[in-house]
Amino acid sequence: MPARSNCASRSCARAPTSRRWLLRARDLAGTDDLQFTQEFLAEMLGVKRTSVTLHARTLQQAGMIKYSRGPYSDHQS
């Protein structure tokens, strides 16, 4: 059950918050190409950078964002 205990962690609990935050940032920027670093997102969401990495990977696998070394791009529009 390690996966279940990991999902109960603070980073997993912040998943909806991070999605809302990214959508809000996209709306304010008026573009899907957001130039955020993982360090910046971690600071804004109050989590560790490694949590941002894991969450971004999950969102990318779900087809919600596309990211690489460099900017994040939202693919919901």
C-alpha atoms as a PDB file:
ATOM      1  CA  MET A   1       0.000   0.000   0.000  1.00  0.00           C
ATOM      2  CA  PRO A   2       2.833   2.516  -0.393  1.00  0.00           C
ATOM      3  CA  ALA A   3       1.067   4.160  -3.334  1.00  0.00           C
ATOM      4  CA  ARG A   4      -1.989   4.825  -1.211  1.00  0.00           C
ATOM      5  CA  SER A   5       0.058   6.399   1.576  1.00  0.00           C
ATOM      6  CA  ASN A   6       1.885   8.504  -1.014  1.00  0.00           C
ATOM      7  CA  CYS A   7      -1.414   9.733  -2.411  1.00  0.00           C
ATOM      8  CA  ALA A   8      -2.432  10.859   1.055  1.00  0.00           C
ATOM      9  CA  SER A   9       0.588  13.126   1.121  1.00  0.00           C
ATOM     10  CA  ARG A  10       0.344  16.885   0.988  1.00  0.00           C
ATOM     11  CA  SER A  11       1.459  17.040  -2.641  1.00  0.00           C
ATOM     12  CA  CYS A  12      -1.339  14.710  -3.746  1.00  0.00           C
ATOM     13  CA  ALA A  13      -3.854  16.716  -1.746  1.00  0.00           C
ATOM     14  CA  ARG A  14      -2.708  19.825  -3.595  1.00  0.00           C
ATOM     15  CA  ALA A  15      -3.309  18.334  -7.042  1.00  0.00           C
ATOM     16  CA  PRO A  16      -6.678  20.093  -7.578  1.00  0.00           C
ATOM     17  CA  THR A  17      -5.141  23.339  -6.326  1.00  0.00           C
ATOM     18  CA  SER A  18      -2.273  23.118  -8.789  1.00  0.00           C
ATOM     19  CA  ARG A  19      -4.627  22.401 -11.691  1.00  0.00           C
ATOM     20  CA  ARG A  20      -6.789  25.392 -10.761  1.00  0.00           C
ATOM     21  CA  TRP A  21      -3.709  27.558 -10.334  1.00  0.00           C
ATOM     22  CA  LEU A  22      -2.351  26.595 -13.767  1.00  0.00           C
ATOM     23  CA  LEU A  23      -5.741  27.216 -15.412  1.00  0.00           C
ATOM     24  CA  ARG A  24      -5.998  30.617 -13.736  1.00  0.00           C
ATOM     25  CA  ALA A  25      -2.455  31.500 -14.806  1.00  0.00           C
ATOM     26  CA  ARG A  26      -3.281  30.461 -18.377  1.00  0.00           C
ATOM     27  CA  ASP A  27      -6.409  32.623 -18.380  1.00  0.00           C
ATOM     28  CA  LEU A  28      -4.512  35.636 -17.049  1.00  0.00           C
ATOM     29  CA  ALA A  29      -1.626  35.144 -19.485  1.00  0.00           C
ATOM     30  CA  GLY A  30      -3.961  34.684 -22.452  1.00  0.00           C
ATOM     31  CA  THR A  31      -1.782  31.852 -23.774  1.00  0.00           C
ATOM     32  CA  ASP A  32      -1.294  28.126 -23.286  1.00  0.00           C
ATOM     33  CA  ASP A  33       2.491  28.512 -23.194  1.00  0.00           C
ATOM     34  CA  LEU A  34       3.435  29.309 -19.616  1.00  0.00           C
ATOM     35  CA  GLN A  35       7.064  30.029 -18.860  1.00  0.00           C
ATOM     36  CA  PHE A  36       7.174  28.638 -15.303  1.00  0.00           C
ATOM     37  CA  THR A  37      10.000  26.720 -13.733  1.00  0.00           C
ATOM     38  CA  GLN A  38       9.331  23.841 -11.381  1.00  0.00           C
ATOM     39  CA  GLU A  39      11.004  25.858  -8.643  1.00  0.00           C
ATOM     40  CA  PHE A  40       8.577  28.760  -9.214  1.00  0.00           C
ATOM     41  CA  LEU A  41       5.530  26.465  -9.210  1.00  0.00           C
ATOM     42  CA  ALA A  42       6.731  24.767  -6.020  1.00  0.00           C
ATOM     43  CA  GLU A  43       7.117  28.147  -4.336  1.00  0.00           C
ATOM     44  CA  MET A  44       3.679  29.328  -5.461  1.00  0.00           C
ATOM     45  CA  LEU A  45       1.962  26.099  -4.355  1.00  0.00           C
ATOM     46  CA  GLY A  46       3.907  25.653  -1.132  1.00  0.00           C
ATOM     47  CA  VAL A  47       5.292  22.222  -2.024  1.00  0.00           C
ATOM     48  CA  LYS A  48       8.702  20.727  -2.779  1.00  0.00           C
ATOM     49  CA  ARG A  49      10.007  20.900  -6.335  1.00  0.00           C
ATOM     50  CA  THR A  50      10.074  17.115  -6.504  1.00  0.00           C
ATOM     51  CA  SER A  51       6.319  17.115  -5.847  1.00  0.00           C
ATOM     52  CA  VAL A  52       5.850  19.445  -8.814  1.00  0.00           C
ATOM     53  CA  THR A  53       7.879  17.061 -10.968  1.00  0.00           C
ATOM     54  CA  LEU A  54       5.748  14.065  -9.987  1.00  0.00           C
ATOM     55  CA  HIS A  55       2.472  15.937 -10.369  1.00  0.00           C
ATOM     56  CA  ALA A  56       3.464  17.418 -13.732  1.00  0.00           C
ATOM     57  CA  ARG A  57       4.316  13.939 -14.966  1.00  0.00           C
ATOM     58  CA  THR A  58       0.861  12.720 -13.884  1.00  0.00           C
ATOM     59  CA  LEU A  59      -0.871  15.632 -15.616  1.00  0.00           C
ATOM     60  CA  GLN A  60       1.142  15.043 -18.781  1.00  0.00           C
ATOM     61  CA  GLN A  61       0.278  11.325 -18.803  1.00  0.00           C
ATOM     62  CA  ALA A  62      -3.401  12.300 -18.477  1.00  0.00           C
ATOM     63  CA  GLY A  63      -3.008  14.581 -21.512  1.00  0.00           C
ATOM     64  CA  MET A  64      -3.748  17.737 -19.506  1.00  0.00           C
ATOM     65  CA  ILE A  65      -0.392  19.457 -19.961  1.00  0.00           C
ATOM     66  CA  LYS A  66       2.733  19.078 -22.030  1.00  0.00           C
ATOM     67  CA  TYR A  67       6.050  19.901 -20.479  1.00  0.00           C
ATOM     68  CA  SER A  68       9.730  19.317 -20.947  1.00  0.00           C
ATOM     69  CA  ARG A  69      12.889  21.030 -19.845  1.00  0.00           C
ATOM     70  CA  GLY A  70      11.507  24.468 -20.249  1.00  0.00           C
ATOM     71  CA  PRO A  71       7.997  25.888 -20.325  1.00  0.00           C
ATOM     72  CA  TYR A  72       4.711  24.185 -19.454  1.00  0.00           C
ATOM     73  CA  SER A  73       1.941  24.195 -22.017  1.00  0.00           C
ATOM     74  CA  ASP A  74      -1.706  23.577 -21.124  1.00  0.00           C
ATOM     75  CA  HIS A  75      -3.527  21.294 -23.565  1.00  0.00           C
ATOM     76  CA  GLN A  76      -7.115  21.653 -22.403  1.00  0.00           C
ATOM     77  CA  SER A  77      -8.148  24.319 -24.858  1.00  0.00           C
END
